Amino acid sequence: GKHWTVNEVRALIHIWSDKNIQQQLEGTVRNKRIFEQVAARLQKFGIDRDWKQCRTKYKNLKHEYKSVKSAQGSGSTSKSMKFFNELDAILGHCTMEQASKSDN
């Protein structure tokens, strides 16, 4: 598919940061319906993406976030990503339990 622009990713993260969406995503694996909602909300911003594109981008962002996070955990600061802080605000709470365990 065509490349996601910064604005598109920002809009996706904005929708993703909705507590309602997060709770739905955390509680399910079969999430096509949720990403259809996400795609519909992107349309309101004038962004034309289908649910598959949204899900793929979501997975990629999540994966990238986790690899940056674990690199930081091991003391490496070379890894970074564009939307890390935004994603940390959303995903940080999910991974905090594991992070605090590995500290002591």
Protein backbone atom coordinates (compact mmCIF):
# COMPACT_ATOMS: atom_id res chain seq x y z
CA GLY A 1 0.00 0.00 0.00
CA LYS A 2 1.02 3.62 -0.14
CA HIS A 3 3.33 5.02 2.49
CA TRP A 4 1.81 6.48 5.66
CA THR A 5 2.46 10.20 6.07
CA VAL A 6 3.39 11.72 9.41
CA ASN A 7 -0.10 13.22 9.67
CA GLU A 8 -1.74 9.88 8.97
CA VAL A 9 0.32 8.13 11.62
CA ARG A 10 -0.42 10.96 14.04
CA ALA A 11 -4.15 10.60 13.40
CA LEU A 12 -3.91 6.83 13.86
CA ILE A 13 -2.10 7.25 17.18
CA HIS A 14 -4.64 9.88 18.23
CA ILE A 15 -7.49 7.43 17.66
CA TRP A 16 -5.48 4.62 19.24
CA SER A 17 -4.93 6.75 22.36
CA ASP A 18 -8.71 6.70 22.94
CA LYS A 19 -9.17 4.68 26.15
CA ASN A 20 -12.20 2.95 24.63
CA ILE A 21 -10.20 1.73 21.62
CA GLN A 22 -7.29 0.66 23.84
CA GLN A 23 -9.51 -1.44 26.07
CA GLN A 24 -11.05 -3.13 23.06
CA LEU A 25 -7.62 -3.84 21.57
CA GLU A 26 -6.18 -5.17 24.82
CA GLY A 27 -9.03 -7.60 25.29
CA THR A 28 -9.08 -9.21 21.86
CA VAL A 29 -7.11 -10.88 19.11
CA ARG A 30 -9.85 -10.92 16.49
CA ASN A 31 -9.87 -7.20 16.11
CA LYS A 32 -11.07 -6.59 12.56
CA ARG A 33 -14.19 -4.82 13.85
CA ILE A 34 -12.11 -2.45 15.98
CA PHE A 35 -9.86 -1.55 13.06
CA GLU A 36 -12.93 -0.96 10.92
CA GLN A 37 -13.94 1.65 13.55
CA VAL A 38 -10.43 3.10 13.46
CA ALA A 39 -10.52 3.29 9.64
CA ALA A 40 -13.94 4.98 9.79
CA ARG A 41 -12.60 7.56 12.21
CA LEU A 42 -9.57 8.18 9.98
CA GLN A 43 -12.00 8.87 7.13
CA LYS A 44 -13.38 11.75 9.18
CA PHE A 45 -9.89 13.27 9.09
CA GLY A 46 -9.94 12.75 5.32
CA ILE A 47 -7.54 9.80 5.55
CA ASP A 48 -8.42 6.90 3.29
CA ARG A 49 -7.11 3.69 4.84
CA ASP A 50 -8.83 0.32 5.12
CA TRP A 51 -8.91 -1.72 8.32
CA LYS A 52 -6.09 -4.00 7.14
CA GLN A 53 -3.77 -1.06 6.56
CA CYS A 54 -4.67 0.32 10.00
CA ARG A 55 -4.04 -3.01 11.67
CA THR A 56 -0.73 -3.53 9.89
CA LYS A 57 0.45 -0.02 10.80
CA TYR A 58 -0.68 -0.55 14.40
CA LYS A 59 1.24 -3.83 14.61
CA ASN A 60 4.35 -2.30 13.04
CA LEU A 61 4.30 0.69 15.38
CA LYS A 62 3.80 -1.56 18.37
CA HIS A 63 6.63 -3.84 17.29
CA GLU A 64 8.98 -0.91 16.67
CA TYR A 65 8.04 0.63 20.00
CA LYS A 66 8.78 -2.61 21.85
CA SER A 67 12.17 -3.05 20.22
CA VAL A 68 13.15 0.56 21.04
CA LYS A 69 11.86 0.10 24.60
CA SER A 70 13.83 -3.09 25.16
CA ALA A 71 16.94 -1.52 23.61
CA GLN A 72 16.61 1.32 26.11
CA GLY A 73 16.13 -1.20 28.88
CA SER A 74 19.45 -2.80 27.98
CA GLY A 75 21.14 0.58 28.11
CA SER A 76 21.34 1.21 24.38
CA THR A 77 20.23 4.66 23.29
CA SER A 78 21.06 4.21 19.61
CA LYS A 79 17.59 2.94 18.79
CA SER A 80 14.83 5.49 18.51
CA MET A 81 11.65 6.10 16.56
CA LYS A 82 9.58 9.05 15.49
CA PHE A 83 6.47 8.57 17.62
CA PHE A 84 8.08 6.96 20.65
CA ASN A 85 6.74 9.43 23.22
CA GLU A 86 3.19 9.26 21.89
CA LEU A 87 3.30 5.47 21.89
CA ASP A 88 4.93 5.38 25.30
CA ALA A 89 1.96 7.32 26.65
CA ILE A 90 -0.34 4.61 25.29
CA LEU A 91 1.76 1.45 25.66
CA GLY A 92 3.96 2.43 28.57
CA HIS A 93 1.41 1.27 31.15
CA CYS A 94 1.18 -2.19 29.57
CA THR A 95 4.89 -2.82 29.86
CA MET A 96 5.52 -1.09 33.18
CA GLU A 97 4.87 -4.22 35.26
CA GLN A 98 7.60 -6.17 33.47
CA ALA A 99 9.93 -3.17 33.53
CA SER A 100 9.72 -2.71 37.30
CA LYS A 101 10.32 -6.44 37.85
CA SER A 102 13.54 -6.40 35.86
CA ASP A 103 14.88 -3.37 37.74
CA ASN A 104 15.60 -5.02 41.07
